[in-house]
C-alpha atoms as a PDB file:
ATOM      1  CA  MET A   1      17.801   9.203 -10.752  1.00  0.00           C
ATOM      2  CA  GLY A   2      16.397   6.672 -12.750  1.00  0.00           C
ATOM      3  CA  LEU A   3      13.233   5.911 -13.729  1.00  0.00           C
ATOM      4  CA  SER A   4      13.074   3.143 -11.686  1.00  0.00           C
ATOM      5  CA  GLY A   5      13.868   5.565  -9.030  1.00  0.00           C
ATOM      6  CA  LYS A   6      11.537   8.091  -9.798  1.00  0.00           C
ATOM      7  CA  SER A   7       8.382   6.075  -9.378  1.00  0.00           C
ATOM      8  CA  VAL A   8       9.754   4.585  -6.286  1.00  0.00           C
ATOM      9  CA  VAL A   9       9.404   8.410  -5.058  1.00  0.00           C
ATOM     10  CA  TYR A  10       5.927   8.804  -6.857  1.00  0.00           C
ATOM     11  CA  THR A  11       4.142   5.539  -5.524  1.00  0.00           C
ATOM     12  CA  VAL A  12       5.564   6.415  -1.806  1.00  0.00           C
ATOM     13  CA  GLY A  13       4.561  10.246  -2.297  1.00  0.00           C
ATOM     14  CA  GLY A  14       1.268   8.984  -3.760  1.00  0.00           C
ATOM     15  CA  VAL A  15       0.525   6.453  -1.429  1.00  0.00           C
ATOM     16  CA  LEU A  16       1.218   8.716   1.431  1.00  0.00           C
ATOM     17  CA  LEU A  17      -0.757  11.888   0.210  1.00  0.00           C
ATOM     18  CA  LEU A  18      -4.047   9.395  -0.075  1.00  0.00           C
ATOM     19  CA  ALA A  19      -3.586   8.286   3.156  1.00  0.00           C
ATOM     20  CA  MET A  20      -3.417  11.926   4.942  1.00  0.00           C
ATOM     21  CA  LEU A  21      -6.287  12.735   2.816  1.00  0.00           C
ATOM     22  CA  VAL A  22      -8.573   9.890   4.121  1.00  0.00           C
ATOM     23  CA  LEU A  23      -7.045  10.669   7.757  1.00  0.00           C
ATOM     24  CA  VAL A  24      -8.404  14.011   7.406  1.00  0.00           C
ATOM     25  CA  ALA A  25     -11.548  12.981   6.430  1.00  0.00           C
ATOM     26  CA  VAL A  26     -11.904  10.737   8.787  1.00  0.00           C
ATOM     27  CA  VAL A  27     -11.285  13.167  11.189  1.00  0.00           C
ATOM     28  CA  THR A  28     -12.695  16.663  10.233  1.00  0.00           C
ATOM     29  CA  VAL A  29     -15.537  15.328   8.388  1.00  0.00           C
ATOM     30  CA  PRO A  30     -17.541  12.165  10.324  1.00  0.00           C
ATOM     31  CA  GLY A  31     -20.147  12.725   8.132  1.00  0.00           C
ATOM     32  CA  ILE A  32     -18.787  11.054   5.042  1.00  0.00           C
ATOM     33  CA  VAL A  33     -19.191   7.338   6.886  1.00  0.00           C
ATOM     34  CA  GLY A  34     -22.466   8.792   8.740  1.00  0.00           C
ATOM     35  CA  GLY A  35     -21.449  10.492  11.848  1.00  0.00           C
ATOM     36  CA  ASP A  36     -20.916  13.348  13.583  1.00  0.00           C
ATOM     37  CA  ASP A  37     -18.075  13.419  15.364  1.00  0.00           C
ATOM     38  CA  ALA A  38     -14.802  11.097  15.888  1.00  0.00           C
ATOM     39  CA  TYR A  39     -12.525  10.617  18.893  1.00  0.00           C
ATOM     40  CA  ILE A  40      -9.321   8.585  19.799  1.00  0.00           C
ATOM     41  CA  VAL A  41      -9.707   6.019  22.024  1.00  0.00           C
ATOM     42  CA  THR A  42      -6.389   6.514  25.064  1.00  0.00           C
ATOM     43  CA  SER A  43      -7.976   3.867  27.809  1.00  0.00           C
ATOM     44  CA  ASN A  44      -8.522   0.430  27.541  1.00  0.00           C
ATOM     45  CA  SER A  45     -11.305   0.452  30.151  1.00  0.00           C
ATOM     46  CA  MET A  46     -14.242  -0.535  27.246  1.00  0.00           C
ATOM     47  CA  GLU A  47     -11.998  -3.706  25.729  1.00  0.00           C
ATOM     48  CA  PRO A  48     -12.618  -5.827  24.318  1.00  0.00           C
ATOM     49  CA  THR A  49     -15.569  -4.118  22.403  1.00  0.00           C
ATOM     50  CA  ILE A  50     -12.710  -0.963  21.783  1.00  0.00           C
ATOM     51  CA  GLU A  51      -9.202  -0.733  22.444  1.00  0.00           C
ATOM     52  CA  ALA A  52      -7.037   2.133  22.718  1.00  0.00           C
ATOM     53  CA  GLY A  53      -5.693   3.470  19.955  1.00  0.00           C
ATOM     54  CA  ASP A  54      -9.650   2.774  18.248  1.00  0.00           C
ATOM     55  CA  VAL A  55     -11.196   5.918  16.781  1.00  0.00           C
ATOM     56  CA  VAL A  56     -14.572   6.330  17.886  1.00  0.00           C
ATOM     57  CA  VAL A  57     -17.416   7.673  14.922  1.00  0.00           C
ATOM     58  CA  THR A  58     -20.238   8.876  17.289  1.00  0.00           C
ATOM     59  CA  LYS A  59     -23.865   9.969  16.019  1.00  0.00           C
ATOM     60  CA  ALA A  60     -26.067  12.818  17.825  1.00  0.00           C
ATOM     61  CA  VAL A  61     -28.869  11.520  18.683  1.00  0.00           C
ATOM     62  CA  SER A  62     -31.804  12.781  21.115  1.00  0.00           C
ATOM     63  CA  PRO A  63     -30.939  12.307  24.691  1.00  0.00           C
ATOM     64  CA  ASP A  64     -34.533  10.546  24.842  1.00  0.00           C
ATOM     65  CA  GLU A  65     -33.443   7.478  22.077  1.00  0.00           C
ATOM     66  CA  ILE A  66     -30.497   6.297  24.237  1.00  0.00           C
ATOM     67  CA  GLU A  67     -30.811   3.462  26.360  1.00  0.00           C
ATOM     68  CA  SER A  68     -29.236   0.893  28.561  1.00  0.00           C
ATOM     69  CA  GLY A  69     -26.629  -0.768  26.323  1.00  0.00           C
ATOM     70  CA  ASP A  70     -25.742   1.932  23.796  1.00  0.00           C
ATOM     71  CA  VAL A  71     -22.563   3.012  23.945  1.00  0.00           C
ATOM     72  CA  VAL A  72     -21.915   7.114  24.509  1.00  0.00           C
ATOM     73  CA  THR A  73     -19.102   9.221  24.226  1.00  0.00           C
ATOM     74  CA  PHE A  74     -19.714  12.288  26.771  1.00  0.00           C
ATOM     75  CA  ASN A  75     -18.263  15.142  28.688  1.00  0.00           C
ATOM     76  CA  ALA A  76     -17.142  14.141  32.142  1.00  0.00           C
ATOM     77  CA  ASP A  77     -15.266  17.194  33.077  1.00  0.00           C
ATOM     78  CA  GLY A  78     -18.024  18.150  35.494  1.00  0.00           C
ATOM     79  CA  VAL A  79     -18.358  13.911  36.690  1.00  0.00           C
ATOM     80  CA  ALA A  80     -14.461  12.612  37.163  1.00  0.00           C
ATOM     81  CA  ASP A  81     -12.605  15.789  35.788  1.00  0.00           C
ATOM     82  CA  ARG A  82     -11.638  13.096  32.681  1.00  0.00           C
ATOM     83  CA  GLY A  83     -12.240  14.439  29.626  1.00  0.00           C
ATOM     84  CA  TYR A  84     -14.074  13.356  26.878  1.00  0.00           C
ATOM     85  CA  VAL A  85     -14.757   9.290  28.126  1.00  0.00           C
ATOM     86  CA  THR A  86     -16.648   6.792  25.333  1.00  0.00           C
ATOM     87  CA  HIS A  87     -18.562   3.779  28.121  1.00  0.00           C
ATOM     88  CA  ARG A  88     -21.372   1.822  28.026  1.00  0.00           C
ATOM     89  CA  VAL A  89     -24.980   2.762  29.461  1.00  0.00           C
ATOM     90  CA  VAL A  90     -26.178   0.616  32.256  1.00  0.00           C
ATOM     91  CA  GLU A  91     -28.856   2.337  33.551  1.00  0.00           C
ATOM     92  CA  VAL A  92     -30.985   5.408  32.443  1.00  0.00           C
ATOM     93  CA  ARG A  93     -32.746   7.622  35.147  1.00  0.00           C
ATOM     94  CA  GLU A  94     -35.557  10.196  35.017  1.00  0.00           C
ATOM     95  CA  GLU A  95     -35.179  12.928  37.898  1.00  0.00           C
ATOM     96  CA  ASN A  96     -37.269  16.324  38.238  1.00  0.00           C
ATOM     97  CA  GLY A  97     -37.343  16.085  34.318  1.00  0.00           C
ATOM     98  CA  GLU A  98     -34.466  15.591  33.388  1.00  0.00           C
ATOM     99  CA  ARG A  99     -32.649  12.077  31.756  1.00  0.00           C
ATOM    100  CA  TYR A 100     -29.182  10.981  33.701  1.00  0.00           C
ATOM    101  CA  PHE A 101     -27.025   7.650  32.790  1.00  0.00           C
ATOM    102  CA  LYS A 102     -25.379   5.652  34.558  1.00  0.00           C
ATOM    103  CA  THR A 103     -22.142   4.235  32.306  1.00  0.00           C
ATOM    104  CA  LYS A 104     -20.173   1.840  32.872  1.00  0.00           C
ATOM    105  CA  GLY A 105     -16.449   0.675  31.303  1.00  0.00           C
ATOM    106  CA  ASP A 106     -16.789  -2.839  29.713  1.00  0.00           C
ATOM    107  CA  ALA A 107     -13.671  -3.827  31.372  1.00  0.00           C
ATOM    108  CA  ASN A 108     -14.693  -2.514  34.205  1.00  0.00           C
ATOM    109  CA  GLU A 109     -15.528  -4.148  37.406  1.00  0.00           C
ATOM    110  CA  ASP A 110     -17.328  -1.187  38.835  1.00  0.00           C
ATOM    111  CA  PRO A 111     -19.469   1.657  36.874  1.00  0.00           C
ATOM    112  CA  ASP A 112     -18.158   5.016  36.667  1.00  0.00           C
ATOM    113  CA  GLN A 113     -18.973   7.570  39.901  1.00  0.00           C
ATOM    114  CA  GLY A 114     -21.944   9.689  39.458  1.00  0.00           C
ATOM    115  CA  TYR A 115     -24.320  10.067  36.606  1.00  0.00           C
ATOM    116  CA  VAL A 116     -23.772  11.516  33.556  1.00  0.00           C
ATOM    117  CA  PRO A 117     -26.496  14.527  32.332  1.00  0.00           C
ATOM    118  CA  ALA A 118     -28.499  14.219  29.385  1.00  0.00           C
ATOM    119  CA  SER A 119     -26.483  17.539  28.303  1.00  0.00           C
ATOM    120  CA  ALA A 120     -23.246  16.152  28.480  1.00  0.00           C
ATOM    121  CA  ALA A 121     -23.612  13.000  26.216  1.00  0.00           C
ATOM    122  CA  HIS A 122     -22.163  14.302  22.404  1.00  0.00           C
ATOM    123  CA  GLY A 123     -23.480  10.798  20.775  1.00  0.00           C
ATOM    124  CA  VAL A 124     -23.871   7.262  20.554  1.00  0.00           C
ATOM    125  CA  GLN A 125     -21.150   4.899  19.146  1.00  0.00           C
ATOM    126  CA  HIS A 126     -22.128   4.546  15.255  1.00  0.00           C
ATOM    127  CA  LEU A 127     -19.138   2.800  14.196  1.00  0.00           C
ATOM    128  CA  HIS A 128     -15.310   2.531  15.552  1.00  0.00           C
ATOM    129  CA  ILE A 129     -11.869   1.978  13.444  1.00  0.00           C
ATOM    130  CA  PRO A 130      -9.159  -0.300  15.005  1.00  0.00           C
ATOM    131  CA  TYR A 131      -5.877   1.270  15.205  1.00  0.00           C
ATOM    132  CA  LEU A 132      -6.450   4.133  13.266  1.00  0.00           C
ATOM    133  CA  GLY A 133      -5.808   6.398  16.368  1.00  0.00           C
ATOM    134  CA  TYR A 134      -2.232   5.550  16.462  1.00  0.00           C
ATOM    135  CA  LEU A 135      -1.957   6.789  12.811  1.00  0.00           C
ATOM    136  CA  LEU A 136      -3.395  10.283  14.081  1.00  0.00           C
ATOM    137  CA  LEU A 137      -1.843  10.355  17.246  1.00  0.00           C
ATOM    138  CA  PHE A 138       1.876   9.787  14.837  1.00  0.00           C
ATOM    139  CA  ALA A 139       0.479  11.962  12.383  1.00  0.00           C
ATOM    140  CA  ARG A 140       0.107  14.928  15.036  1.00  0.00           C
ATOM    141  CA  SER A 141       3.718  14.575  16.144  1.00  0.00           C
ATOM    142  CA  THR A 142       7.031  16.482  15.125  1.00  0.00           C
ATOM    143  CA  LEU A 143       8.403  12.949  13.840  1.00  0.00           C
ATOM    144  CA  GLY A 144       4.919  12.130  11.958  1.00  0.00           C
ATOM    145  CA  LEU A 145       4.826  15.673   9.997  1.00  0.00           C
ATOM    146  CA  VAL A 146       8.491  14.733   8.981  1.00  0.00           C
ATOM    147  CA  VAL A 147       8.277  11.286   7.879  1.00  0.00           C
ATOM    148  CA  LEU A 148       4.813  11.604   6.145  1.00  0.00           C
ATOM    149  CA  VAL A 149       4.501  15.242   4.516  1.00  0.00           C
ATOM    150  CA  ILE A 150       8.245  16.812   4.650  1.00  0.00           C
ATOM    151  CA  LEU A 151       9.852  13.854   3.220  1.00  0.00           C
ATOM    152  CA  PRO A 152       7.912  12.544   0.515  1.00  0.00           C
ATOM    153  CA  GLY A 153       7.112  16.452  -0.220  1.00  0.00           C
ATOM    154  CA  LEU A 154      11.212  16.667  -0.904  1.00  0.00           C
ATOM    155  CA  GLY A 155      11.506  12.972  -2.404  1.00  0.00           C
ATOM    156  CA  LEU A 156       8.711  14.602  -5.019  1.00  0.00           C
ATOM    157  CA  VAL A 157      10.422  18.078  -5.356  1.00  0.00           C
ATOM    158  CA  ALA A 158      13.766  16.386  -6.679  1.00  0.00           C
ATOM    159  CA  SER A 159      12.467  13.876  -8.660  1.00  0.00           C
ATOM    160  CA  GLY A 160      10.591  16.907 -10.669  1.00  0.00           C
ATOM    161  CA  SER A 161      13.750  18.956 -10.488  1.00  0.00           C
ATOM    162  CA  MET A 162      15.481  16.055 -12.552  1.00  0.00           C
ATOM    163  CA  GLN A 163      12.962  15.492 -15.049  1.00  0.00           C
ATOM    164  CA  LEU A 164      12.647  19.316 -15.268  1.00  0.00           C
ATOM    165  CA  LEU A 165      16.676  18.996 -16.070  1.00  0.00           C
ATOM    166  CA  ARG A 166      16.693  16.113 -18.097  1.00  0.00           C
ATOM    167  CA  GLU A 167      14.226  18.707 -20.187  1.00  0.00           C
ATOM    168  CA  PHE A 168      17.186  20.829 -20.739  1.00  0.00           C
ATOM    169  CA  GLY A 169      19.679  18.647 -21.970  1.00  0.00           C
ATOM    170  CA  TYR A 170      21.139  17.108 -18.496  1.00  0.00           C
ATOM    171  CA  THR A 171      22.077  13.666 -18.003  1.00  0.00           C
ATOM    172  CA  PRO A 172      23.981  12.093 -15.334  1.00  0.00           C
ATOM    173  CA  ASP A 173      27.529  12.107 -17.348  1.00  0.00           C
ATOM    174  CA  GLY A 174      27.048  16.284 -16.882  1.00  0.00           C
ATOM    175  CA  GLY A 175      25.584  16.473 -20.172  1.00  0.00           C
ATOM    176  CA  LEU A 176      24.305  19.597 -19.263  1.00  0.00           C
ATOM    177  CA  LEU A 177      27.970  21.333 -18.423  1.00  0.00           C
ATOM    178  CA  ALA A 178      28.777  20.155 -21.656  1.00  0.00           C
ATOM    179  CA  ALA A 179      26.428  22.133 -23.365  1.00  0.00           C
ATOM    180  CA  LEU A 180      26.858  25.110 -21.405  1.00  0.00           C
ATOM    181  CA  HIS A 181      31.168  24.836 -21.971  1.00  0.00           C
ATOM    182  CA  GLY A 182      30.676  23.832 -25.971  1.00  0.00           C
ATOM    183  CA  THR A 183      32.112  20.324 -25.127  1.00  0.00           C
ATOM    184  CA  ASP A 184      30.880  16.490 -25.089  1.00  0.00           C
ATOM    185  CA  SER A 185      30.564  14.943 -21.701  1.00  0.00           C
ATOM    186  CA  ASP A 186      34.173  13.008 -22.928  1.00  0.00           C
ATOM    187  CA  GLY A 187      35.971  16.587 -22.941  1.00  0.00           C
ATOM    188  CA  GLY A 188      36.147  16.989 -26.427  1.00  0.00           C
ATOM    189  CA  PRO A 189      35.107  19.629 -28.995  1.00  0.00           C
ATOM    190  CA  PRO A 190      31.408  19.148 -29.810  1.00  0.00           C
ATOM    191  CA  PRO A 191      30.561  16.679 -32.570  1.00  0.00           C
ATOM    192  CA  ALA A 192      29.814  18.613 -36.089  1.00  0.00           C
ATOM    193  CA  LEU A 193      26.435  19.392 -36.970  1.00  0.00           C
ATOM    194  CA  GLU A 194      24.613  17.383 -40.177  1.00  0.00           C
ATOM    195  CA  GLY A 195      25.740  19.524 -43.126  1.00  0.00           C
ATOM    196  CA  GLU A 196      28.080  21.587 -41.272  1.00  0.00           C
ATOM    197  CA  THR A 197      30.883  22.174 -43.850  1.00  0.00           C
ATOM    198  CA  ASP A 198      34.903  24.101 -43.289  1.00  0.00           C
ATOM    199  CA  MET A 199      34.536  28.025 -43.920  1.00  0.00           C
ATOM    200  CA  ALA A 200      37.591  28.450 -45.312  1.00  0.00           C
ATOM    201  CA  PRO A 201      36.878  27.450 -49.041  1.00  0.00           C
ATOM    202  CA  VAL A 202      34.642  30.377 -48.610  1.00  0.00           C
ATOM    203  CA  LEU A 203      37.329  32.826 -47.735  1.00  0.00           C
ATOM    204  CA  LYS A 204      39.394  31.421 -50.389  1.00  0.00           C
ATOM    205  CA  ALA A 205      36.611  32.320 -52.957  1.00  0.00           C
ATOM    206  CA  GLY A 206      36.303  35.645 -52.041  1.00  0.00           C
ATOM    207  CA  VAL A 207      39.760  36.450 -52.243  1.00  0.00           C
ATOM    208  CA  ASP A 208      40.139  35.149 -55.598  1.00  0.00           C
ATOM    209  CA  ASP A 209      36.804  37.157 -56.433  1.00  0.00           C
ATOM    210  CA  ALA A 210      38.828  39.928 -55.272  1.00  0.00           C
ATOM    211  CA  THR A 211      42.179  39.306 -57.364  1.00  0.00           C
ATOM    212  CA  ALA A 212      39.645  38.884 -60.519  1.00  0.00           C
ATOM    213  CA  LEU A 213      38.332  42.341 -59.562  1.00  0.00           C
ATOM    214  CA  GLU A 214      41.535  43.985 -59.433  1.00  0.00           C
ATOM    215  CA  GLU A 215      42.657  42.417 -62.829  1.00  0.00           C
ATOM    216  CA  ALA A 216      39.469  43.767 -64.166  1.00  0.00           C
ATOM    217  CA  LEU A 217      40.046  47.136 -62.992  1.00  0.00           C
ATOM    218  CA  ASP A 218      44.045  47.076 -64.373  1.00  0.00           C
ATOM    219  CA  ASP A 219      42.227  45.800 -67.742  1.00  0.00           C
ATOM    220  CA  GLY A 220      40.163  48.954 -67.253  1.00  0.00           C
ATOM    221  CA  THR A 221      42.891  51.306 -67.040  1.00  0.00           C
ATOM    222  CA  ASP A 222      45.345  49.305 -69.840  1.00  0.00           C
ATOM    223  CA  SER A 223      41.991  49.918 -71.745  1.00  0.00           C
ATOM    224  CA  GLU A 224      41.614  53.642 -70.907  1.00  0.00           C
ATOM    225  CA  GLY A 225      45.035  54.192 -72.165  1.00  0.00           C
ATOM    226  CA  ASP A 226      45.416  52.609 -75.441  1.00  0.00           C
ATOM    227  CA  GLN A 227      41.993  55.390 -75.619  1.00  0.00           C
END
């Protein structure tokens, strides 16, 4: 992988990793944007204020602070068996010391059935982030896991492995194998190191020295014989 290819891998991986960190931060730590919880909107009942695919960040407040016109997220299990709902308060009433809210979606003609008890309210809208919910839902899917996590991770591992191989002398034309087998990349013998010389003269000199020693011994014998 060339330098440009490695740069692309690192850039894409870095951007995706940063995106994932931002998503995790928004969903799991809404406090960083001044909220307490975050919810993905899955219907169009609050259009055009809030659309499907948006993320609503809520802020917990005292039920006494919730007024008509506020957008609240509440648990609707006891009202319409719909889980969490984010609708606008259109009426506030108190009965037997308890506070209740009549809610309605901005896109709906009629208000929601029944009243929402204050205890079911989880907070008022602090802000909403358009389209972020789609990315979160995609990230939760199997395909999202592969695209946003696994593939970038494999790309970074591959790039790091190639860099490590290059540190050990690997080249795309087979330089690593050449180093292991004692040949260059063209299949020929490796080039001589600078300053390397033929060792044959050294061996020849050794033979000459042995011959000289033998002659010296012969001379010694002759001298002894003369004595």
